[in-house]
C-alpha atoms as a PDB file:
ATOM      1  CA  UNK A   1       0.219  -0.496   0.167  1.00  0.00           C
ATOM      2  CA  UNK A   2       0.794   3.362  -0.767  1.00  0.00           C
ATOM      3  CA  UNK A   3       1.844   5.774   1.396  1.00  0.00           C
ATOM      4  CA  UNK A   4       0.992  10.168   0.866  1.00  0.00           C
ATOM      5  CA  UNK A   5       1.371  13.058   2.524  1.00  0.00           C
ATOM      6  CA  UNK A   6      -1.716  15.475   3.042  1.00  0.00           C
ATOM      7  CA  UNK A   7      -1.039  18.917   0.419  1.00  0.00           C
ATOM      8  CA  UNK A   8      -4.050  20.451   1.565  1.00  0.00           C
ATOM      9  CA  UNK A   9      -7.215  20.256   4.673  1.00  0.00           C
ATOM     10  CA  UNK A  10      -8.041  23.509   4.140  1.00  0.00           C
ATOM     11  CA  UNK A  11     -11.693  21.518   3.744  1.00  0.00           C
ATOM     12  CA  UNK A  12     -11.499  18.799   6.407  1.00  0.00           C
ATOM     13  CA  UNK A  13      -8.723  20.433   9.046  1.00  0.00           C
ATOM     14  CA  UNK A  14     -10.748  18.002  11.792  1.00  0.00           C
ATOM     15  CA  UNK A  15      -9.968  15.264   9.638  1.00  0.00           C
ATOM     16  CA  UNK A  16      -7.110  15.938   7.532  1.00  0.00           C
ATOM     17  CA  UNK A  17      -3.054  16.859   9.459  1.00  0.00           C
ATOM     18  CA  UNK A  18      -1.413  19.264   6.614  1.00  0.00           C
ATOM     19  CA  UNK A  19       2.161  17.709   6.244  1.00  0.00           C
ATOM     20  CA  UNK A  20       1.168  14.558   7.614  1.00  0.00           C
ATOM     21  CA  UNK A  21       1.754  10.794   6.055  1.00  0.00           C
ATOM     22  CA  UNK A  22      -1.088   8.994   5.838  1.00  0.00           C
ATOM     23  CA  UNK A  23      -1.396   5.371   4.471  1.00  0.00           C
ATOM     24  CA  UNK A  24      -3.380   4.677   1.292  1.00  0.00           C
ATOM     25  CA  UNK A  25      -5.626   2.200   0.546  1.00  0.00           C
ATOM     26  CA  UNK A  26      -6.499   0.527  -2.963  1.00  0.00           C
ATOM     27  CA  UNK A  27      -9.597   1.446  -4.368  1.00  0.00           C
ATOM     28  CA  UNK A  28      -9.552   1.283  -8.373  1.00  0.00           C
ATOM     29  CA  UNK A  29     -13.613   3.596  -8.512  1.00  0.00           C
ATOM     30  CA  UNK A  30     -12.123   6.049  -6.308  1.00  0.00           C
ATOM     31  CA  UNK A  31      -8.581   6.510  -8.157  1.00  0.00           C
ATOM     32  CA  UNK A  32     -11.298   7.030 -11.466  1.00  0.00           C
ATOM     33  CA  UNK A  33     -13.452   9.041 -10.516  1.00  0.00           C
ATOM     34  CA  UNK A  34     -10.351  11.349  -9.046  1.00  0.00           C
ATOM     35  CA  UNK A  35     -10.132  10.892  -5.236  1.00  0.00           C
ATOM     36  CA  UNK A  36      -8.240   8.507  -2.957  1.00  0.00           C
ATOM     37  CA  UNK A  37      -9.434   6.791  -0.200  1.00  0.00           C
ATOM     38  CA  UNK A  38      -7.365   7.354   3.269  1.00  0.00           C
ATOM     39  CA  UNK A  39      -7.238   6.854   6.695  1.00  0.00           C
ATOM     40  CA  UNK A  40      -8.015   9.833   8.593  1.00  0.00           C
ATOM     41  CA  UNK A  41      -7.851  10.851  12.260  1.00  0.00           C
ATOM     42  CA  UNK A  42     -10.291   9.280  13.339  1.00  0.00           C
ATOM     43  CA  UNK A  43      -8.879   6.129  12.047  1.00  0.00           C
ATOM     44  CA  UNK A  44     -11.657   5.317   9.508  1.00  0.00           C
ATOM     45  CA  UNK A  45     -10.949   5.121   5.671  1.00  0.00           C
ATOM     46  CA  UNK A  46     -12.587   8.190   4.182  1.00  0.00           C
ATOM     47  CA  UNK A  47     -12.759   9.165   0.145  1.00  0.00           C
ATOM     48  CA  UNK A  48     -10.622  12.872   0.431  1.00  0.00           C
ATOM     49  CA  UNK A  49      -9.335  14.666  -3.527  1.00  0.00           C
ATOM     50  CA  UNK A  50      -6.361  13.295  -4.616  1.00  0.00           C
ATOM     51  CA  UNK A  51      -5.188  16.692  -4.941  1.00  0.00           C
ATOM     52  CA  UNK A  52      -5.432  17.484  -1.500  1.00  0.00           C
ATOM     53  CA  UNK A  53      -1.950  14.319  -1.767  1.00  0.00           C
ATOM     54  CA  UNK A  54       0.696  13.622  -3.212  1.00  0.00           C
ATOM     55  CA  UNK A  55       2.127   9.683  -2.898  1.00  0.00           C
ATOM     56  CA  UNK A  56       5.482   9.219  -1.583  1.00  0.00           C
ATOM     57  CA  UNK A  57       6.867   6.310  -2.169  1.00  0.00           C
ATOM     58  CA  UNK A  58       9.781   5.316   1.452  1.00  0.00           C
ATOM     59  CA  UNK A  59      12.859   3.136   1.397  1.00  0.00           C
ATOM     60  CA  UNK A  60      11.847   0.053   2.795  1.00  0.00           C
ATOM     61  CA  UNK A  61      13.124   0.089   6.274  1.00  0.00           C
ATOM     62  CA  UNK A  62      10.616   4.174   6.352  1.00  0.00           C
ATOM     63  CA  UNK A  63       7.732   1.827   4.750  1.00  0.00           C
ATOM     64  CA  UNK A  64       9.414  -0.749   7.569  1.00  0.00           C
ATOM     65  CA  UNK A  65       8.135   1.785  10.764  1.00  0.00           C
ATOM     66  CA  UNK A  66       5.316   3.309   9.357  1.00  0.00           C
ATOM     67  CA  UNK A  67       3.357   0.171   9.699  1.00  0.00           C
ATOM     68  CA  UNK A  68       4.726  -0.659  12.608  1.00  0.00           C
ATOM     69  CA  UNK A  69       3.987   2.133  13.899  1.00  0.00           C
ATOM     70  CA  UNK A  70       0.355   2.186  12.426  1.00  0.00           C
ATOM     71  CA  UNK A  71       0.076  -1.400  13.622  1.00  0.00           C
ATOM     72  CA  UNK A  72       0.695   0.039  17.846  1.00  0.00           C
ATOM     73  CA  UNK A  73      -1.888   2.355  17.220  1.00  0.00           C
ATOM     74  CA  UNK A  74      -4.168   0.007  16.529  1.00  0.00           C
ATOM     75  CA  UNK A  75      -3.975  -1.533  18.407  1.00  0.00           C
ATOM     76  CA  UNK A  76      -3.738   1.370  21.808  1.00  0.00           C
ATOM     77  CA  UNK A  77      -7.211   1.786  19.810  1.00  0.00           C
ATOM     78  CA  UNK A  78      -8.780  -1.601  20.744  1.00  0.00           C
END
């Protein structure tokens, strides 16, 4: 799964933090409509305009560290 950096949160300040890295879930229908399915600050996935994000490629160790961090935060939320 890719990651993306939020570059615009004007319409969703409670749901998205500017410059934060978010997990992107695969959703071909959303992409066809110009949206991305993002796991936002609520911990749930929602559709947001793709223009609000920049997809990023990370080195393998950085990507693994993020996955571990996201998994840990999900465990704490349960």
